[in-house]
């Protein structure tokens, strides 16, 4: 099942696109494709960190929660950008993508004051 996602501002490197479709990748638990709705628009892969990391528990600031109009933590879908490389798949844990599941609004946020790596190898 796919969902429409509208970013508050373009993701780095994906401007001017802000409207995307988020869909799970068949046969890969916790892996999602985020594809721009514009014809020929970019696609990136996102991972639900709960499926691959045990101790990832970031905290959003009040300002970040407010910008996304999150009424509760249950409305926040937290995903991390996956980057395949010759030595495996790496994820950015310092700047997750947060989707308000009630509205479809999303943003990539930078976790301030939290010690997470920009490039963490999975597996």
PDB file of N, CA and C in Angstrom:
ATOM      1  N   UNK A   1       0.844  -1.174   0.000  1.00  0.00           N
ATOM      2  CA  UNK A   1       0.000   0.000   0.000  1.00  0.00           C
ATOM      3  C   UNK A   1       0.890   1.239   0.000  1.00  0.00           C
ATOM      4  N   UNK A   2       0.677   2.135  -0.908  1.00  0.00           N
ATOM      5  CA  UNK A   2       1.491   3.337  -1.007  1.00  0.00           C
ATOM      6  C   UNK A   2       0.737   4.526  -0.407  1.00  0.00           C
ATOM      7  N   UNK A   3       1.503   5.574  -0.116  1.00  0.00           N
ATOM      8  CA  UNK A   3       0.914   6.771   0.479  1.00  0.00           C
ATOM      9  C   UNK A   3       1.541   8.006  -0.142  1.00  0.00           C
ATOM     10  N   UNK A   4       0.744   9.053  -0.285  1.00  0.00           N
ATOM     11  CA  UNK A   4       1.246  10.332  -0.766  1.00  0.00           C
ATOM     12  C   UNK A   4       1.972  11.029   0.372  1.00  0.00           C
ATOM     13  N   UNK A   5       3.136  11.607   0.037  1.00  0.00           N
ATOM     14  CA  UNK A   5       3.950  12.318   1.013  1.00  0.00           C
ATOM     15  C   UNK A   5       4.324  13.671   0.419  1.00  0.00           C
ATOM     16  N   UNK A   6       4.118  14.731   1.198  1.00  0.00           N
ATOM     17  CA  UNK A   6       4.459  16.089   0.755  1.00  0.00           C
ATOM     18  C   UNK A   6       5.484  16.671   1.731  1.00  0.00           C
ATOM     19  N   UNK A   7       6.685  16.927   1.222  1.00  0.00           N
ATOM     20  CA  UNK A   7       7.739  17.476   2.063  1.00  0.00           C
ATOM     21  C   UNK A   7       7.561  18.974   2.236  1.00  0.00           C
ATOM     22  N   UNK A   8       7.893  19.463   3.421  1.00  0.00           N
ATOM     23  CA  UNK A   8       7.806  20.893   3.712  1.00  0.00           C
ATOM     24  C   UNK A   8       8.795  21.677   2.859  1.00  0.00           C
ATOM     25  N   UNK A   9       9.926  21.042   2.535  1.00  0.00           N
ATOM     26  CA  UNK A   9      10.914  21.606   1.625  1.00  0.00           C
ATOM     27  C   UNK A   9      11.629  20.457   0.940  1.00  0.00           C
ATOM     28  N   UNK A  10      12.223  20.697  -0.221  1.00  0.00           N
ATOM     29  CA  UNK A  10      12.858  19.592  -0.951  1.00  0.00           C
ATOM     30  C   UNK A  10      13.981  18.937  -0.150  1.00  0.00           C
ATOM     31  N   UNK A  11      14.104  17.638  -0.325  1.00  0.00           N
ATOM     32  CA  UNK A  11      15.226  16.922   0.268  1.00  0.00           C
ATOM     33  C   UNK A  11      16.511  17.362  -0.431  1.00  0.00           C
ATOM     34  N   UNK A  12      17.636  17.371   0.283  1.00  0.00           N
ATOM     35  CA  UNK A  12      18.901  17.747  -0.355  1.00  0.00           C
ATOM     36  C   UNK A  12      19.164  16.899  -1.602  1.00  0.00           C
ATOM     37  N   UNK A  13      19.447  17.581  -2.693  1.00  0.00           N
ATOM     38  CA  UNK A  13      19.737  16.904  -3.950  1.00  0.00           C
ATOM     39  C   UNK A  13      18.516  16.527  -4.770  1.00  0.00           C
ATOM     40  N   UNK A  14      17.306  16.736  -4.237  1.00  0.00           N
ATOM     41  CA  UNK A  14      16.094  16.345  -4.957  1.00  0.00           C
ATOM     42  C   UNK A  14      15.210  17.535  -5.338  1.00  0.00           C
ATOM     43  N   UNK A  15      15.712  18.742  -5.157  1.00  0.00           N
ATOM     44  CA  UNK A  15      14.937  19.934  -5.530  1.00  0.00           C
ATOM     45  C   UNK A  15      14.682  19.911  -7.035  1.00  0.00           C
ATOM     46  N   UNK A  16      13.550  20.346  -7.458  1.00  0.00           N
ATOM     47  CA  UNK A  16      12.498  21.075  -6.747  1.00  0.00           C
ATOM     48  C   UNK A  16      11.381  20.167  -6.235  1.00  0.00           C
ATOM     49  N   UNK A  17      11.578  18.862  -6.271  1.00  0.00           N
ATOM     50  CA  UNK A  17      10.510  17.917  -5.929  1.00  0.00           C
ATOM     51  C   UNK A  17      10.164  17.944  -4.444  1.00  0.00           C
ATOM     52  N   UNK A  18       8.865  18.032  -4.157  1.00  0.00           N
ATOM     53  CA  UNK A  18       8.372  17.942  -2.781  1.00  0.00           C
ATOM     54  C   UNK A  18       7.242  16.928  -2.650  1.00  0.00           C
ATOM     55  N   UNK A  19       6.631  16.541  -3.757  1.00  0.00           N
ATOM     56  CA  UNK A  19       5.521  15.585  -3.730  1.00  0.00           C
ATOM     57  C   UNK A  19       6.023  14.210  -4.160  1.00  0.00           C
ATOM     58  N   UNK A  20       5.820  13.222  -3.276  1.00  0.00           N
ATOM     59  CA  UNK A  20       6.339  11.884  -3.483  1.00  0.00           C
ATOM     60  C   UNK A  20       5.280  10.833  -3.175  1.00  0.00           C
ATOM     61  N   UNK A  21       5.571   9.624  -3.606  1.00  0.00           N
ATOM     62  CA  UNK A  21       4.794   8.455  -3.231  1.00  0.00           C
ATOM     63  C   UNK A  21       5.722   7.537  -2.457  1.00  0.00           C
ATOM     64  N   UNK A  22       5.279   7.103  -1.291  1.00  0.00           N
ATOM     65  CA  UNK A  22       6.047   6.204  -0.434  1.00  0.00           C
ATOM     66  C   UNK A  22       5.401   4.831  -0.508  1.00  0.00           C
ATOM     67  N   UNK A  23       6.185   3.826  -0.902  1.00  0.00           N
ATOM     68  CA  UNK A  23       5.629   2.480  -1.052  1.00  0.00           C
ATOM     69  C   UNK A  23       6.619   1.450  -0.517  1.00  0.00           C
ATOM     70  N   UNK A  24       6.099   0.444   0.202  1.00  0.00           N
ATOM     71  CA  UNK A  24       6.992  -0.623   0.667  1.00  0.00           C
ATOM     72  C   UNK A  24       7.530  -1.413  -0.522  1.00  0.00           C
ATOM     73  N   UNK A  25       8.752  -1.912  -0.376  1.00  0.00           N
ATOM     74  CA  UNK A  25       9.363  -2.749  -1.402  1.00  0.00           C
ATOM     75  C   UNK A  25       8.991  -4.195  -1.088  1.00  0.00           C
ATOM     76  N   UNK A  26       8.343  -4.865  -2.047  1.00  0.00           N
ATOM     77  CA  UNK A  26       7.904  -6.244  -1.838  1.00  0.00           C
ATOM     78  C   UNK A  26       9.087  -7.148  -1.486  1.00  0.00           C
ATOM     79  N   UNK A  27       8.901  -7.981  -0.469  1.00  0.00           N
ATOM     80  CA  UNK A  27       9.907  -8.959  -0.082  1.00  0.00           C
ATOM     81  C   UNK A  27      11.053  -8.418   0.735  1.00  0.00           C
ATOM     82  N   UNK A  28      11.002  -7.151   1.122  1.00  0.00           N
ATOM     83  CA  UNK A  28      12.080  -6.547   1.899  1.00  0.00           C
ATOM     84  C   UNK A  28      11.468  -5.796   3.082  1.00  0.00           C
ATOM     85  N   UNK A  29      11.338  -6.469   4.197  1.00  0.00           N
ATOM     86  CA  UNK A  29      10.702  -5.880   5.375  1.00  0.00           C
ATOM     87  C   UNK A  29      11.407  -4.591   5.792  1.00  0.00           C
ATOM     88  N   UNK A  30      10.630  -3.546   5.961  1.00  0.00           N
ATOM     89  CA  UNK A  30      11.151  -2.280   6.429  1.00  0.00           C
ATOM     90  C   UNK A  30      11.797  -1.413   5.372  1.00  0.00           C
ATOM     91  N   UNK A  31      11.805  -1.846   4.117  1.00  0.00           N
ATOM     92  CA  UNK A  31      12.402  -1.061   3.039  1.00  0.00           C
ATOM     93  C   UNK A  31      11.293  -0.399   2.225  1.00  0.00           C
ATOM     94  N   UNK A  32      11.486   0.894   1.937  1.00  0.00           N
ATOM     95  CA  UNK A  32      10.493   1.672   1.206  1.00  0.00           C
ATOM     96  C   UNK A  32      11.154   2.393   0.035  1.00  0.00           C
ATOM     97  N   UNK A  33      10.409   2.570  -1.038  1.00  0.00           N
ATOM     98  CA  UNK A  33      10.838   3.403  -2.157  1.00  0.00           C
ATOM     99  C   UNK A  33      10.073   4.713  -2.052  1.00  0.00           C
ATOM    100  N   UNK A  34      10.791   5.812  -2.161  1.00  0.00           N
ATOM    101  CA  UNK A  34      10.205   7.138  -2.160  1.00  0.00           C
ATOM    102  C   UNK A  34      10.439   7.713  -3.550  1.00  0.00           C
ATOM    103  N   UNK A  35       9.360   7.834  -4.316  1.00  0.00           N
ATOM    104  CA  UNK A  35       9.469   8.246  -5.723  1.00  0.00           C
ATOM    105  C   UNK A  35       8.696   9.544  -5.941  1.00  0.00           C
ATOM    106  N   UNK A  36       9.369  10.497  -6.593  1.00  0.00           N
ATOM    107  CA  UNK A  36       8.702  11.761  -6.927  1.00  0.00           C
ATOM    108  C   UNK A  36       7.524  11.473  -7.845  1.00  0.00           C
ATOM    109  N   UNK A  37       6.425  12.196  -7.646  1.00  0.00           N
ATOM    110  CA  UNK A  37       5.238  11.954  -8.468  1.00  0.00           C
ATOM    111  C   UNK A  37       5.396  12.510  -9.874  1.00  0.00           C
ATOM    112  N   UNK A  38       6.312  13.452 -10.078  1.00  0.00           N
ATOM    113  CA  UNK A  38       6.549  14.003 -11.412  1.00  0.00           C
ATOM    114  C   UNK A  38       7.159  12.928 -12.308  1.00  0.00           C
ATOM    115  N   UNK A  39       6.729  12.905 -13.575  1.00  0.00           N
ATOM    116  CA  UNK A  39       7.287  11.941 -14.525  1.00  0.00           C
ATOM    117  C   UNK A  39       8.802  12.059 -14.573  1.00  0.00           C
ATOM    118  N   UNK A  40       9.468  10.910 -14.459  1.00  0.00           N
ATOM    119  CA  UNK A  40      10.924  10.905 -14.519  1.00  0.00           C
ATOM    120  C   UNK A  40      11.593  11.476 -13.285  1.00  0.00           C
ATOM    121  N   UNK A  41      10.832  11.699 -12.224  1.00  0.00           N
ATOM    122  CA  UNK A  41      11.386  12.261 -10.996  1.00  0.00           C
ATOM    123  C   UNK A  41      12.263  11.254 -10.267  1.00  0.00           C
ATOM    124  N   UNK A  42      13.044  11.731  -9.325  1.00  0.00           N
ATOM    125  CA  UNK A  42      13.984  10.853  -8.622  1.00  0.00           C
ATOM    126  C   UNK A  42      13.294   9.861  -7.686  1.00  0.00           C
ATOM    127  N   UNK A  43      14.066   8.831  -7.340  1.00  0.00           N
ATOM    128  CA  UNK A  43      13.612   7.819  -6.387  1.00  0.00           C
ATOM    129  C   UNK A  43      14.763   7.547  -5.429  1.00  0.00           C
ATOM    130  N   UNK A  44      14.439   7.438  -4.154  1.00  0.00           N
ATOM    131  CA  UNK A  44      15.424   7.035  -3.160  1.00  0.00           C
ATOM    132  C   UNK A  44      14.811   5.934  -2.318  1.00  0.00           C
ATOM    133  N   UNK A  45      15.664   5.260  -1.546  1.00  0.00           N
ATOM    134  CA  UNK A  45      15.186   4.204  -0.675  1.00  0.00           C
ATOM    135  C   UNK A  45      15.314   4.630   0.779  1.00  0.00           C
ATOM    136  N   UNK A  46      14.291   4.291   1.540  1.00  0.00           N
ATOM    137  CA  UNK A  46      14.253   4.585   2.966  1.00  0.00           C
ATOM    138  C   UNK A  46      14.061   3.280   3.733  1.00  0.00           C
ATOM    139  N   UNK A  47      14.600   3.246   4.943  1.00  0.00           N
ATOM    140  CA  UNK A  47      14.521   2.057   5.784  1.00  0.00           C
ATOM    141  C   UNK A  47      13.845   2.430   7.101  1.00  0.00           C
ATOM    142  N   UNK A  48      12.955   1.564   7.555  1.00  0.00           N
ATOM    143  CA  UNK A  48      12.391   1.705   8.891  1.00  0.00           C
ATOM    144  C   UNK A  48      13.472   1.211   9.854  1.00  0.00           C
ATOM    145  N   UNK A  49      14.084   2.103  10.631  1.00  0.00           N
ATOM    146  CA  UNK A  49      15.211   1.682  11.459  1.00  0.00           C
ATOM    147  C   UNK A  49      14.857   0.637  12.509  1.00  0.00           C
ATOM    148  N   UNK A  50      13.595   0.542  12.879  1.00  0.00           N
ATOM    149  CA  UNK A  50      13.191  -0.469  13.867  1.00  0.00           C
ATOM    150  C   UNK A  50      13.411  -1.886  13.359  1.00  0.00           C
ATOM    151  N   UNK A  51      13.489  -2.060  12.031  1.00  0.00           N
ATOM    152  CA  UNK A  51      13.660  -3.403  11.473  1.00  0.00           C
ATOM    153  C   UNK A  51      15.123  -3.815  11.389  1.00  0.00           C
ATOM    154  N   UNK A  52      16.047  -2.867  11.561  1.00  0.00           N
ATOM    155  CA  UNK A  52      17.471  -3.202  11.396  1.00  0.00           C
ATOM    156  C   UNK A  52      18.359  -2.745  12.553  1.00  0.00           C
ATOM    157  N   UNK A  53      17.860  -1.905  13.429  1.00  0.00           N
ATOM    158  CA  UNK A  53      18.655  -1.379  14.539  1.00  0.00           C
ATOM    159  C   UNK A  53      17.890  -1.530  15.842  1.00  0.00           C
ATOM    160  N   UNK A  54      18.583  -1.994  16.863  1.00  0.00           N
ATOM    161  CA  UNK A  54      17.916  -2.209  18.144  1.00  0.00           C
ATOM    162  C   UNK A  54      17.863  -0.973  19.024  1.00  0.00           C
ATOM    163  N   UNK A  55      18.907  -0.155  18.996  1.00  0.00           N
ATOM    164  CA  UNK A  55      19.015   0.919  19.977  1.00  0.00           C
ATOM    165  C   UNK A  55      18.868   2.321  19.395  1.00  0.00           C
ATOM    166  N   UNK A  56      18.199   2.445  18.280  1.00  0.00           N
ATOM    167  CA  UNK A  56      17.994   3.761  17.671  1.00  0.00           C
ATOM    168  C   UNK A  56      16.714   4.360  18.222  1.00  0.00           C
ATOM    169  N   UNK A  57      16.857   5.401  19.026  1.00  0.00           N
ATOM    170  CA  UNK A  57      15.698   6.037  19.653  1.00  0.00           C
ATOM    171  C   UNK A  57      15.880   7.552  19.657  1.00  0.00           C
ATOM    172  N   UNK A  58      15.808   8.177  18.493  1.00  0.00           N
ATOM    173  CA  UNK A  58      16.012   9.626  18.431  1.00  0.00           C
ATOM    174  C   UNK A  58      14.838  10.394  19.029  1.00  0.00           C
ATOM    175  N   UNK A  59      15.123  11.641  19.385  1.00  0.00           N
ATOM    176  CA  UNK A  59      14.108  12.528  19.940  1.00  0.00           C
ATOM    177  C   UNK A  59      13.993  13.766  19.062  1.00  0.00           C
ATOM    178  N   UNK A  60      12.787  14.065  18.630  1.00  0.00           N
ATOM    179  CA  UNK A  60      12.547  15.277  17.856  1.00  0.00           C
ATOM    180  C   UNK A  60      12.414  16.463  18.798  1.00  0.00           C
ATOM    181  N   UNK A  61      12.854  17.617  18.332  1.00  0.00           N
ATOM    182  CA  UNK A  61      12.670  18.829  19.133  1.00  0.00           C
ATOM    183  C   UNK A  61      11.201  19.247  19.067  1.00  0.00           C
ATOM    184  N   UNK A  62      10.804  20.106  19.997  1.00  0.00           N
ATOM    185  CA  UNK A  62       9.434  20.631  19.981  1.00  0.00           C
ATOM    186  C   UNK A  62       9.167  21.378  18.683  1.00  0.00           C
ATOM    187  N   UNK A  63      10.177  22.107  18.184  1.00  0.00           N
ATOM    188  CA  UNK A  63      10.021  22.862  16.940  1.00  0.00           C
ATOM    189  C   UNK A  63       9.803  21.916  15.755  1.00  0.00           C
ATOM    190  N   UNK A  64      10.571  20.824  15.695  1.00  0.00           N
ATOM    191  CA  UNK A  64      10.416  19.854  14.608  1.00  0.00           C
ATOM    192  C   UNK A  64       9.035  19.214  14.652  1.00  0.00           C
ATOM    193  N   UNK A  65       8.601  18.839  15.831  1.00  0.00           N
ATOM    194  CA  UNK A  65       7.260  18.251  15.980  1.00  0.00           C
ATOM    195  C   UNK A  65       6.172  19.233  15.582  1.00  0.00           C
ATOM    196  N   UNK A  66       6.361  20.491  15.953  1.00  0.00           N
ATOM    197  CA  UNK A  66       5.392  21.532  15.619  1.00  0.00           C
ATOM    198  C   UNK A  66       5.331  21.772  14.112  1.00  0.00           C
ATOM    199  N   UNK A  67       6.496  21.831  13.453  1.00  0.00           N
ATOM    200  CA  UNK A  67       6.525  22.050  12.004  1.00  0.00           C
ATOM    201  C   UNK A  67       5.761  20.962  11.258  1.00  0.00           C
ATOM    202  N   UNK A  68       5.822  19.745  11.772  1.00  0.00           N
ATOM    203  CA  UNK A  68       5.122  18.627  11.134  1.00  0.00           C
ATOM    204  C   UNK A  68       3.704  18.449  11.674  1.00  0.00           C
ATOM    205  N   UNK A  69       3.297  19.306  12.595  1.00  0.00           N
ATOM    206  CA  UNK A  69       1.965  19.256  13.204  1.00  0.00           C
ATOM    207  C   UNK A  69       1.674  17.893  13.808  1.00  0.00           C
ATOM    208  N   UNK A  70       2.673  17.335  14.499  1.00  0.00           N
ATOM    209  CA  UNK A  70       2.494  16.029  15.137  1.00  0.00           C
ATOM    210  C   UNK A  70       1.737  16.208  16.453  1.00  0.00           C
ATOM    211  N   UNK A  71       0.573  15.579  16.550  1.00  0.00           N
ATOM    212  CA  UNK A  71      -0.219  15.653  17.768  1.00  0.00           C
ATOM    213  C   UNK A  71       0.305  14.688  18.824  1.00  0.00           C
ATOM    214  N   UNK A  72       0.944  13.590  18.366  1.00  0.00           N
ATOM    215  CA  UNK A  72       1.511  12.614  19.292  1.00  0.00           C
ATOM    216  C   UNK A  72       2.632  11.860  18.578  1.00  0.00           C
ATOM    217  N   UNK A  73       3.442  11.177  19.355  1.00  0.00           N
ATOM    218  CA  UNK A  73       4.543  10.394  18.778  1.00  0.00           C
ATOM    219  C   UNK A  73       4.019   9.282  17.875  1.00  0.00           C
ATOM    220  N   UNK A  74       2.807   8.808  18.138  1.00  0.00           N
ATOM    221  CA  UNK A  74       2.223   7.732  17.331  1.00  0.00           C
ATOM    222  C   UNK A  74       1.980   8.159  15.885  1.00  0.00           C
ATOM    223  N   UNK A  75       1.862   9.458  15.640  1.00  0.00           N
ATOM    224  CA  UNK A  75       1.644   9.952  14.278  1.00  0.00           C
ATOM    225  C   UNK A  75       2.927  10.018  13.452  1.00  0.00           C
ATOM    226  N   UNK A  76       4.077   9.876  14.092  1.00  0.00           N
ATOM    227  CA  UNK A  76       5.362  10.036  13.401  1.00  0.00           C
ATOM    228  C   UNK A  76       5.880   8.700  12.875  1.00  0.00           C
ATOM    229  N   UNK A  77       6.063   8.636  11.571  1.00  0.00           N
ATOM    230  CA  UNK A  77       6.743   7.501  10.944  1.00  0.00           C
ATOM    231  C   UNK A  77       8.170   7.945  10.704  1.00  0.00           C
ATOM    232  N   UNK A  78       9.111   7.273  11.333  1.00  0.00           N
ATOM    233  CA  UNK A  78      10.521   7.622  11.250  1.00  0.00           C
ATOM    234  C   UNK A  78      11.219   6.670  10.295  1.00  0.00           C
ATOM    235  N   UNK A  79      11.876   7.223   9.284  1.00  0.00           N
ATOM    236  CA  UNK A  79      12.607   6.429   8.292  1.00  0.00           C
ATOM    237  C   UNK A  79      13.984   7.041   8.097  1.00  0.00           C
ATOM    238  N   UNK A  80      14.948   6.228   7.667  1.00  0.00           N
ATOM    239  CA  UNK A  80      16.290   6.735   7.401  1.00  0.00           C
ATOM    240  C   UNK A  80      16.647   6.470   5.947  1.00  0.00           C
ATOM    241  N   UNK A  81      17.403   7.390   5.360  1.00  0.00           N
ATOM    242  CA  UNK A  81      17.813   7.281   3.964  1.00  0.00           C
ATOM    243  C   UNK A  81      18.870   6.200   3.838  1.00  0.00           C
ATOM    244  N   UNK A  82      18.671   5.292   2.884  1.00  0.00           N
ATOM    245  CA  UNK A  82      19.618   4.192   2.637  1.00  0.00           C
ATOM    246  C   UNK A  82      20.460   4.502   1.419  1.00  0.00           C
ATOM    247  N   UNK A  83      21.755   4.268   1.546  1.00  0.00           N
ATOM    248  CA  UNK A  83      22.694   4.496   0.447  1.00  0.00           C
ATOM    249  C   UNK A  83      23.503   3.227   0.216  1.00  0.00           C
ATOM    250  N   UNK A  84      23.241   2.516  -0.894  1.00  0.00           N
ATOM    251  CA  UNK A  84      24.033   1.322  -1.192  1.00  0.00           C
ATOM    252  C   UNK A  84      25.444   1.716  -1.629  1.00  0.00           C
ATOM    253  N   UNK A  85      26.422   0.927  -1.205  1.00  0.00           N
ATOM    254  CA  UNK A  85      27.820   1.152  -1.576  1.00  0.00           C
ATOM    255  C   UNK A  85      28.481  -0.203  -1.784  1.00  0.00           C
ATOM    256  N   UNK A  86      29.691  -0.184  -2.264  1.00  0.00           N
ATOM    257  CA  UNK A  86      30.394  -1.450  -2.533  1.00  0.00           C
ATOM    258  C   UNK A  86      30.626  -2.259  -1.268  1.00  0.00           C
ATOM    259  N   UNK A  87      30.675  -1.603  -0.106  1.00  0.00           N
ATOM    260  CA  UNK A  87      30.907  -2.321   1.148  1.00  0.00           C
ATOM    261  C   UNK A  87      29.630  -2.559   1.947  1.00  0.00           C
ATOM    262  N   UNK A  88      28.468  -2.352   1.344  1.00  0.00           N
ATOM    263  CA  UNK A  88      27.200  -2.603   2.021  1.00  0.00           C
ATOM    264  C   UNK A  88      26.267  -1.404   1.924  1.00  0.00           C
ATOM    265  N   UNK A  89      25.219  -1.456   2.697  1.00  0.00           N
ATOM    266  CA  UNK A  89      24.231  -0.374   2.718  1.00  0.00           C
ATOM    267  C   UNK A  89      24.473   0.467   3.968  1.00  0.00           C
ATOM    268  N   UNK A  90      24.507   1.769   3.759  1.00  0.00           N
ATOM    269  CA  UNK A  90      24.694   2.713   4.859  1.00  0.00           C
ATOM    270  C   UNK A  90      23.433   3.558   5.009  1.00  0.00           C
ATOM    271  N   UNK A  91      23.158   3.953   6.248  1.00  0.00           N
ATOM    272  CA  UNK A  91      22.000   4.802   6.523  1.00  0.00           C
ATOM    273  C   UNK A  91      22.445   6.048   7.285  1.00  0.00           C
ATOM    274  N   UNK A  92      21.679   7.109   7.105  1.00  0.00           N
ATOM    275  CA  UNK A  92      21.940   8.362   7.790  1.00  0.00           C
ATOM    276  C   UNK A  92      21.062   8.413   9.035  1.00  0.00           C
ATOM    277  N   UNK A  93      21.669   8.186  10.198  1.00  0.00           N
ATOM    278  CA  UNK A  93      20.908   8.168  11.443  1.00  0.00           C
ATOM    279  C   UNK A  93      20.769   9.553  12.074  1.00  0.00           C
ATOM    280  N   UNK A  94      21.584  10.497  11.622  1.00  0.00           N
ATOM    281  CA  UNK A  94      21.541  11.838  12.190  1.00  0.00           C
ATOM    282  C   UNK A  94      20.453  12.710  11.570  1.00  0.00           C
ATOM    283  N   UNK A  95      20.008  12.335  10.372  1.00  0.00           N
ATOM    284  CA  UNK A  95      19.002  13.152   9.676  1.00  0.00           C
ATOM    285  C   UNK A  95      17.891  12.255   9.129  1.00  0.00           C
ATOM    286  N   UNK A  96      17.031  11.737  10.018  1.00  0.00           N
ATOM    287  CA  UNK A  96      15.944  10.878   9.545  1.00  0.00           C
ATOM    288  C   UNK A  96      14.855  11.664   8.818  1.00  0.00           C
ATOM    289  N   UNK A  97      14.084  10.947   8.047  1.00  0.00           N
ATOM    290  CA  UNK A  97      12.887  11.494   7.415  1.00  0.00           C
ATOM    291  C   UNK A  97      11.722  11.164   8.346  1.00  0.00           C
ATOM    292  N   UNK A  98      10.942  12.174   8.671  1.00  0.00           N
ATOM    293  CA  UNK A  98       9.788  11.990   9.552  1.00  0.00           C
ATOM    294  C   UNK A  98       8.536  12.318   8.756  1.00  0.00           C
ATOM    295  N   UNK A  99       7.592  11.386   8.769  1.00  0.00           N
ATOM    296  CA  UNK A  99       6.321  11.556   8.060  1.00  0.00           C
ATOM    297  C   UNK A  99       5.204  11.615   9.087  1.00  0.00           C
ATOM    298  N   UNK A 100       4.361  12.629   8.985  1.00  0.00           N
ATOM    299  CA  UNK A 100       3.153  12.695   9.801  1.00  0.00           C
ATOM    300  C   UNK A 100       2.140  11.786   9.114  1.00  0.00           C
ATOM    301  N   UNK A 101       1.853  10.644   9.729  1.00  0.00           N
ATOM    302  CA  UNK A 101       0.975   9.653   9.103  1.00  0.00           C
ATOM    303  C   UNK A 101      -0.473  10.130   9.004  1.00  0.00           C
ATOM    304  N   UNK A 102      -0.847  11.120   9.790  1.00  0.00           N
ATOM    305  CA  UNK A 102      -2.213  11.639   9.736  1.00  0.00           C
ATOM    306  C   UNK A 102      -2.407  12.610   8.565  1.00  0.00           C
ATOM    307  N   UNK A 103      -1.339  13.342   8.201  1.00  0.00           N
ATOM    308  CA  UNK A 103      -1.473  14.373   7.172  1.00  0.00           C
ATOM    309  C   UNK A 103      -0.671  14.087   5.904  1.00  0.00           C
ATOM    310  N   UNK A 104       0.344  13.232   5.994  1.00  0.00           N
ATOM    311  CA  UNK A 104       1.220  12.970   4.854  1.00  0.00           C
ATOM    312  C   UNK A 104       2.323  13.997   4.698  1.00  0.00           C
ATOM    313  N   UNK A 105       2.389  14.954   5.608  1.00  0.00           N
ATOM    314  CA  UNK A 105       3.448  15.955   5.588  1.00  0.00           C
ATOM    315  C   UNK A 105       4.735  15.311   6.091  1.00  0.00           C
ATOM    316  N   UNK A 106       5.873  15.700   5.468  1.00  0.00           N
ATOM    317  CA  UNK A 106       7.152  15.095   5.840  1.00  0.00           C
ATOM    318  C   UNK A 106       8.270  16.119   5.832  1.00  0.00           C
ATOM    319  N   UNK A 107       9.344  15.760   6.518  1.00  0.00           N
ATOM    320  CA  UNK A 107      10.556  16.581   6.520  1.00  0.00           C
ATOM    321  C   UNK A 107      11.731  15.698   6.896  1.00  0.00           C
ATOM    322  N   UNK A 108      12.895  16.050   6.371  1.00  0.00           N
ATOM    323  CA  UNK A 108      14.122  15.431   6.851  1.00  0.00           C
ATOM    324  C   UNK A 108      14.636  16.364   7.936  1.00  0.00           C
ATOM    325  N   UNK A 109      14.817  15.833   9.134  1.00  0.00           N
ATOM    326  CA  UNK A 109      15.221  16.651  10.273  1.00  0.00           C
ATOM    327  C   UNK A 109      16.640  16.299  10.687  1.00  0.00           C
ATOM    328  N   UNK A 110      17.314  17.262  11.275  1.00  0.00           N
ATOM    329  CA  UNK A 110      18.636  17.018  11.843  1.00  0.00           C
ATOM    330  C   UNK A 110      18.465  16.915  13.348  1.00  0.00           C
ATOM    331  N   UNK A 111      18.920  15.805  13.898  1.00  0.00           N
ATOM    332  CA  UNK A 111      18.772  15.554  15.330  1.00  0.00           C
ATOM    333  C   UNK A 111      19.854  16.320  16.084  1.00  0.00           C
ATOM    334  N   UNK A 112      19.451  17.377  16.727  1.00  0.00           N
ATOM    335  CA  UNK A 112      20.396  18.238  17.438  1.00  0.00           C
ATOM    336  C   UNK A 112      20.764  17.638  18.793  1.00  0.00           C
ATOM    337  N   UNK A 113      22.070  17.679  19.108  1.00  0.00           N
ATOM    338  CA  UNK A 113      22.546  17.215  20.407  1.00  0.00           C
ATOM    339  C   UNK A 113      22.465  15.711  20.596  1.00  0.00           C
ATOM    340  N   UNK A 114      22.321  14.959  19.519  1.00  0.00           N
ATOM    341  CA  UNK A 114      22.240  13.500  19.611  1.00  0.00           C
ATOM    342  C   UNK A 114      23.408  12.901  18.832  1.00  0.00           C
ATOM    343  N   UNK A 115      24.015  11.903  19.386  1.00  0.00           N
ATOM    344  CA  UNK A 115      25.252  11.352  18.846  1.00  0.00           C
ATOM    345  C   UNK A 115      24.984  10.176  17.904  1.00  0.00           C
ATOM    346  N   UNK A 116      24.394  10.474  16.753  1.00  0.00           N
ATOM    347  CA  UNK A 116      24.147   9.451  15.743  1.00  0.00           C
ATOM    348  C   UNK A 116      25.009   9.737  14.520  1.00  0.00           C
ATOM    349  N   UNK A 117      25.498   8.699  13.847  1.00  0.00           N
ATOM    350  CA  UNK A 117      26.343   8.906  12.679  1.00  0.00           C
ATOM    351  C   UNK A 117      25.534   9.270  11.431  1.00  0.00           C
ATOM    352  N   UNK A 118      26.195   9.982  10.527  1.00  0.00           N
ATOM    353  CA  UNK A 118      25.614  10.307   9.237  1.00  0.00           C
ATOM    354  C   UNK A 118      25.668   9.085   8.325  1.00  0.00           C
ATOM    355  N   UNK A 119      26.661   8.241   8.552  1.00  0.00           N
ATOM    356  CA  UNK A 119      26.869   7.077   7.679  1.00  0.00           C
ATOM    357  C   UNK A 119      27.121   5.845   8.544  1.00  0.00           C
ATOM    358  N   UNK A 120      26.064   5.096   8.816  1.00  0.00           N
ATOM    359  CA  UNK A 120      26.153   3.871   9.614  1.00  0.00           C
ATOM    360  C   UNK A 120      25.911   2.661   8.701  1.00  0.00           C
ATOM    361  N   UNK A 121      26.809   1.726   8.731  1.00  0.00           N
ATOM    362  CA  UNK A 121      26.679   0.532   7.898  1.00  0.00           C
ATOM    363  C   UNK A 121      25.706  -0.443   8.536  1.00  0.00           C
ATOM    364  N   UNK A 122      24.783  -0.957   7.722  1.00  0.00           N
ATOM    365  CA  UNK A 122      23.837  -1.965   8.211  1.00  0.00           C
ATOM    366  C   UNK A 122      24.464  -3.358   8.116  1.00  0.00           C
ATOM    367  N   UNK A 123      24.022  -4.226   8.999  1.00  0.00           N
ATOM    368  CA  UNK A 123      24.458  -5.626   8.917  1.00  0.00           C
ATOM    369  C   UNK A 123      25.648  -5.966   9.727  1.00  0.00           C
TER     370      UNK A 123
END
